[in-house]
Amino acid sequence: MNEALIQLGIPISLMVIFGVPHGALDGAIIFQRCSALWPRTLLLLTYLGVCGGCVLLWINLPTVCLAVFLGMSMWHFGQSDQSRSDYTVRHIWRVVSDGGIWVLLLPFSHQSAVHELFIVLGADASTIMQIINWLIIPWSLLALVNVAVLIFNGDGKAVIRTLSFTVLSILMPPLWSLCIYFCAWHSRRHISRILSYLSSPRLGWIMMISLTLITVLLALLAALGLPATTLWTAALVQVFFIGLFALTVPHMLLIDLYLPWLDSATRGASGVDRSNPAR
């Protein structure tokens, strides 16, 4: 079997099928949290506008957007692995330690392969990799202390999870390790939490399937718009990761900023605790 298909085609396809749908549930969250038509419509249009703006930004500032994407991914992955969001020093420490596995340790452990991916994405790969190499030592010290604290506190599950993800990111090819984490852990847990939170899980499934299909269709149209000389591997990497960036930014704004703010406002007004479903 073609090496490019094994290392690029299959893991990216799996992430599209089993990973991207968790973000499509944002539509169901918006429908449930915004009962009035105009606020709901405004929020949906803003979400889509941010997606489009991110694509345009990447086309013009690929290196900056890649750096922002990596930073946001570190926070989002690390944040989603925590059971609560209290934003203490200890919490932020754990978020950076967990999220850094995928944003710092993985590219550091597979420098040649990741460098090529960054080049295909149009970024200054050398600069990004140099920043990662600068950050890996302080992050490693932070992560080691984090594991030591987890062991001291008797949090065996967190220790096993952290060490398992660490080994996975080092030993597996980069896209395969990211695929396993993204699909089997991050996306699966998010989907389970959101479906249990929604008053109508059926609406969640409908939104998840329909919006995922629309996203795939738009991605195919974007691929057709690339120059005819573009290799299929380059087209796949560009459409997937730039598209993922465009989806991640509004997803994070909704899950990590807007919903916590809305929950805080709701508690302040009514005294009712409506915790963020994504946690």
Protein backbone atom coordinates (compact mmCIF):
# COMPACT_ATOMS: atom_id res chain seq x y z
CA MET A 1 0.00 0.00 0.00
CA ASN A 2 1.19 3.52 -0.82
CA GLU A 3 3.16 5.05 2.07
CA ALA A 4 1.45 8.43 1.69
CA LEU A 5 -1.94 6.78 1.95
CA ILE A 6 -0.95 5.01 5.16
CA GLN A 7 0.72 7.99 6.84
CA LEU A 8 -1.57 10.77 5.57
CA GLY A 9 -4.71 9.58 3.82
CA ILE A 10 -6.02 7.07 6.36
CA PRO A 11 -5.43 9.02 9.61
CA ILE A 12 -6.80 12.26 8.15
CA SER A 13 -9.85 10.43 6.80
CA LEU A 14 -10.46 8.89 10.22
CA MET A 15 -10.17 12.30 11.89
CA VAL A 16 -12.72 13.70 9.44
CA ILE A 17 -15.15 10.84 10.11
CA PHE A 18 -14.73 10.41 13.88
CA GLY A 19 -13.08 13.65 15.05
CA VAL A 20 -14.62 16.57 13.18
CA PRO A 21 -18.25 15.65 14.15
CA HIS A 22 -17.68 16.67 17.77
CA GLY A 23 -17.38 20.28 16.63
CA ALA A 24 -20.59 19.96 14.60
CA LEU A 25 -22.45 19.62 17.90
CA ASP A 26 -21.83 23.34 18.42
CA GLY A 27 -24.92 23.92 16.30
CA ALA A 28 -27.06 21.89 18.70
CA ILE A 29 -25.58 23.76 21.68
CA ILE A 30 -26.42 27.10 20.07
CA PHE A 31 -29.97 25.95 19.35
CA GLN A 32 -30.49 24.87 22.95
CA ARG A 33 -28.85 27.84 24.68
CA CYS A 34 -30.40 30.49 22.41
CA SER A 35 -34.15 29.92 22.30
CA ALA A 36 -35.01 33.22 20.56
CA LEU A 37 -34.67 33.30 16.77
CA TRP A 38 -32.59 36.47 16.34
CA PRO A 39 -29.92 35.75 18.99
CA ARG A 40 -29.62 32.21 17.65
CA THR A 41 -29.31 33.44 14.05
CA LEU A 42 -26.79 36.10 15.03
CA LEU A 43 -24.65 33.60 16.92
CA LEU A 44 -24.72 31.12 14.03
CA LEU A 45 -23.81 33.80 11.49
CA THR A 46 -20.99 35.03 13.74
CA TYR A 47 -19.72 31.45 14.05
CA LEU A 48 -19.69 31.02 10.27
CA GLY A 49 -18.13 34.44 9.77
CA VAL A 50 -15.27 33.56 12.10
CA CYS A 51 -14.73 30.34 10.13
CA GLY A 52 -14.48 32.22 6.85
CA GLY A 53 -12.26 34.90 8.36
CA CYS A 54 -9.85 32.27 9.66
CA VAL A 55 -9.43 30.78 6.19
CA LEU A 56 -8.64 34.22 4.74
CA LEU A 57 -6.20 34.93 7.57
CA TRP A 58 -4.35 31.66 6.96
CA ILE A 59 -4.03 32.41 3.24
CA ASN A 60 -2.39 35.75 4.05
CA LEU A 61 -0.56 34.96 7.33
CA PRO A 62 0.10 31.21 7.39
CA THR A 63 2.98 31.28 9.90
CA VAL A 64 1.11 33.46 12.38
CA CYS A 65 -2.05 31.38 12.01
CA LEU A 66 -0.14 28.12 12.51
CA ALA A 67 1.45 29.48 15.69
CA VAL A 68 -1.95 30.64 16.96
CA PHE A 69 -3.49 27.28 16.00
CA LEU A 70 -0.86 25.37 17.94
CA GLY A 71 -1.25 27.59 20.98
CA MET A 72 -5.03 27.32 20.93
CA SER A 73 -4.85 23.56 20.44
CA MET A 74 -2.56 23.23 23.46
CA TRP A 75 -5.04 25.09 25.62
CA HIS A 76 -8.14 23.38 24.18
CA PHE A 77 -6.78 19.84 24.43
CA GLY A 78 -5.39 20.42 27.89
CA GLN A 79 -8.53 22.18 29.09
CA SER A 80 -10.84 19.45 27.81
CA ASP A 81 -8.88 16.83 29.78
CA GLN A 82 -9.61 18.56 33.10
CA SER A 83 -12.66 17.76 35.21
CA ARG A 84 -13.16 21.39 36.23
CA SER A 85 -12.16 24.89 35.13
CA ASP A 86 -11.15 26.98 38.14
CA TYR A 87 -8.27 28.82 36.39
CA THR A 88 -5.94 28.57 39.37
CA VAL A 89 -2.18 28.34 38.81
CA ARG A 90 -2.41 24.59 39.36
CA HIS A 91 -5.20 24.25 36.80
CA ILE A 92 -3.34 26.25 34.14
CA TRP A 93 -0.22 24.22 34.92
CA ARG A 94 -2.11 20.96 34.24
CA VAL A 95 -3.70 22.34 31.07
CA VAL A 96 -0.32 23.33 29.61
CA SER A 97 1.26 20.04 30.70
CA ASP A 98 -1.47 17.91 29.11
CA GLY A 99 -1.96 20.00 25.98
CA GLY A 100 1.78 20.31 25.38
CA ILE A 101 2.02 16.58 24.71
CA TRP A 102 0.33 17.13 21.34
CA VAL A 103 1.64 20.59 20.47
CA LEU A 104 5.24 20.41 21.71
CA LEU A 105 6.30 16.82 22.43
CA LEU A 106 4.74 15.29 19.29
CA PRO A 107 6.39 17.68 16.77
CA PHE A 108 9.66 17.60 18.74
CA SER A 109 9.69 13.79 18.56
CA HIS A 110 8.98 13.72 14.80
CA GLN A 111 10.78 16.81 13.57
CA SER A 112 11.36 15.79 9.97
CA ALA A 113 7.77 14.66 9.29
CA VAL A 114 6.19 17.61 11.10
CA HIS A 115 8.57 20.08 9.41
CA GLU A 116 7.35 18.82 6.03
CA LEU A 117 3.71 19.20 7.10
CA PHE A 118 4.34 22.78 8.20
CA ILE A 119 5.98 23.57 4.84
CA VAL A 120 2.97 22.17 2.96
CA LEU A 121 0.75 24.43 5.08
CA GLY A 122 2.67 27.42 3.74
CA ALA A 123 4.24 28.38 7.07
CA ASP A 124 7.81 29.23 7.96
CA ALA A 125 8.44 25.72 9.27
CA SER A 126 11.96 26.43 10.52
CA THR A 127 10.78 29.29 12.74
CA ILE A 128 7.90 27.28 14.20
CA MET A 129 10.12 24.26 14.87
CA GLN A 130 12.76 26.51 16.46
CA ILE A 131 10.14 27.90 18.86
CA ILE A 132 9.05 24.36 19.72
CA ASN A 133 12.68 23.38 20.38
CA TRP A 134 13.07 26.38 22.70
CA LEU A 135 9.92 25.52 24.63
CA ILE A 136 10.41 21.76 24.95
CA ILE A 137 12.84 21.87 27.91
CA PRO A 138 10.81 24.20 30.17
CA TRP A 139 7.64 22.33 29.21
CA SER A 140 9.28 18.96 29.99
CA LEU A 141 10.27 20.19 33.47
CA LEU A 142 6.73 21.45 34.00
CA ALA A 143 5.26 18.16 32.82
CA LEU A 144 7.58 16.06 35.02
CA VAL A 145 6.64 18.06 38.11
CA ASN A 146 2.97 17.72 37.12
CA VAL A 147 3.27 13.92 37.00
CA ALA A 148 5.10 13.92 40.34
CA VAL A 149 2.28 15.96 41.91
CA LEU A 150 -0.31 13.58 40.44
CA ILE A 151 1.55 10.60 41.92
CA PHE A 152 1.85 12.37 45.29
CA ASN A 153 -1.91 13.10 45.26
CA GLY A 154 -2.71 9.50 44.37
CA ASP A 155 -4.39 10.38 41.07
CA GLY A 156 -3.49 7.11 39.37
CA LYS A 157 -5.88 7.50 36.44
CA ALA A 158 -4.41 10.86 35.47
CA VAL A 159 -0.86 9.47 35.75
CA ILE A 160 -1.68 6.50 33.50
CA ARG A 161 -3.46 8.75 31.00
CA THR A 162 -0.58 11.24 30.86
CA LEU A 163 2.10 8.58 30.49
CA SER A 164 0.06 6.69 27.87
CA PHE A 165 -0.42 9.82 25.78
CA THR A 166 3.28 10.64 26.14
CA VAL A 167 4.36 7.21 24.87
CA LEU A 168 1.77 7.38 22.08
CA SER A 169 3.00 10.77 20.86
CA ILE A 170 6.63 9.60 20.80
CA LEU A 171 6.35 6.10 19.35
CA MET A 172 3.52 6.41 16.80
CA PRO A 173 3.79 8.34 13.52
CA PRO A 174 2.62 11.93 14.17
CA LEU A 175 -0.70 11.89 12.34
CA TRP A 176 -1.57 8.45 13.67
CA SER A 177 -0.92 9.39 17.30
CA LEU A 178 -2.91 12.62 16.84
CA CYS A 179 -5.68 10.62 15.15
CA ILE A 180 -5.96 8.15 18.04
CA TYR A 181 -6.06 10.92 20.64
CA PHE A 182 -8.37 13.18 18.64
CA CYS A 183 -10.91 10.49 17.74
CA ALA A 184 -10.78 7.93 20.55
CA TRP A 185 -10.34 10.37 23.44
CA HIS A 186 -11.00 14.06 22.77
CA SER A 187 -13.88 13.82 20.31
CA ARG A 188 -15.52 10.75 21.88
CA ARG A 189 -15.63 12.33 25.34
CA HIS A 190 -16.92 15.64 23.99
CA ILE A 191 -19.71 13.95 22.01
CA SER A 192 -20.74 11.85 25.03
CA ARG A 193 -20.89 14.91 27.31
CA ILE A 194 -22.82 17.09 24.88
CA LEU A 195 -25.38 14.42 23.95
CA SER A 196 -26.07 13.77 27.63
CA TYR A 197 -26.45 17.52 28.21
CA LEU A 198 -28.81 18.24 25.31
CA SER A 199 -32.52 18.12 26.05
CA SER A 200 -32.93 16.48 22.64
CA PRO A 201 -30.04 14.09 21.84
CA ARG A 202 -31.82 13.35 18.57
CA LEU A 203 -31.30 16.98 17.54
CA GLY A 204 -27.63 16.55 18.45
CA TRP A 205 -27.25 13.55 16.16
CA ILE A 206 -29.06 15.29 13.31
CA MET A 207 -26.91 18.42 13.64
CA MET A 208 -23.72 16.40 14.02
CA ILE A 209 -24.31 14.28 10.91
CA SER A 210 -25.71 17.04 8.69
CA LEU A 211 -23.10 19.68 9.58
CA THR A 212 -20.28 17.16 9.20
CA LEU A 213 -21.52 16.26 5.71
CA ILE A 214 -21.75 19.95 4.80
CA THR A 215 -18.22 20.50 6.12
CA VAL A 216 -16.88 17.59 4.05
CA LEU A 217 -18.65 18.93 0.95
CA LEU A 218 -17.13 22.39 1.46
CA ALA A 219 -13.71 20.79 1.96
CA LEU A 220 -14.07 18.93 -1.34
CA LEU A 221 -15.04 22.15 -3.09
CA ALA A 222 -12.00 23.87 -1.56
CA ALA A 223 -9.77 21.06 -2.81
CA LEU A 224 -11.16 21.49 -6.31
CA GLY A 225 -10.22 25.15 -6.12
CA LEU A 226 -6.54 24.39 -5.59
CA PRO A 227 -4.13 24.58 -8.56
CA ALA A 228 -4.28 21.53 -10.80
CA THR A 229 -0.57 20.90 -10.19
CA THR A 230 -1.11 20.44 -6.43
CA LEU A 231 -0.31 16.90 -5.26
CA TRP A 232 -3.21 15.06 -3.63
CA THR A 233 -1.19 14.70 -0.43
CA ALA A 234 -0.56 18.45 -0.24
CA ALA A 235 -4.21 19.20 -1.03
CA LEU A 236 -5.35 16.81 1.70
CA VAL A 237 -3.05 18.33 4.33
CA GLN A 238 -3.92 21.91 3.39
CA VAL A 239 -7.68 21.45 3.28
CA PHE A 240 -7.79 19.41 6.48
CA PHE A 241 -5.55 21.50 8.73
CA ILE A 242 -6.59 24.94 7.44
CA GLY A 243 -10.19 23.79 7.68
CA LEU A 244 -9.57 22.46 11.18
CA PHE A 245 -8.09 25.83 12.17
CA ALA A 246 -11.16 27.58 10.78
CA LEU A 247 -13.42 25.29 12.83
CA THR A 248 -11.31 25.27 15.99
CA VAL A 249 -11.28 29.04 16.54
CA PRO A 250 -15.09 29.51 16.76
CA HIS A 251 -15.42 26.16 18.56
CA MET A 252 -13.03 27.34 21.26
CA LEU A 253 -14.64 30.77 21.46
CA LEU A 254 -17.99 29.06 22.03
CA ILE A 255 -16.89 26.28 24.39
CA ASP A 256 -14.08 27.94 26.34
CA LEU A 257 -15.24 31.59 26.41
CA TYR A 258 -18.87 32.25 25.50
CA LEU A 259 -20.53 29.36 27.37
CA PRO A 260 -18.55 29.92 30.60
CA TRP A 261 -19.44 33.63 30.41
CA LEU A 262 -23.10 32.76 29.77
CA ASP A 263 -23.08 30.29 32.67
CA SER A 264 -21.57 32.92 34.94
CA ALA A 265 -24.18 35.47 33.90
CA THR A 266 -26.95 32.92 34.44
CA ARG A 267 -25.71 32.03 37.92
CA GLY A 268 -25.43 35.69 38.80
CA ALA A 269 -28.96 36.42 37.67
CA SER A 270 -30.79 33.35 38.98
CA GLY A 271 -28.44 31.54 41.34
CA VAL A 272 -28.81 28.43 39.16
CA ASP A 273 -25.64 26.55 38.26
CA ARG A 274 -25.70 25.57 34.58
CA SER A 275 -22.23 24.13 34.15
CA ASN A 276 -20.49 24.18 30.81
CA PRO A 277 -21.47 20.93 29.04
CA ALA A 278 -18.07 20.63 27.40
CA ARG A 279 -16.30 20.12 30.73
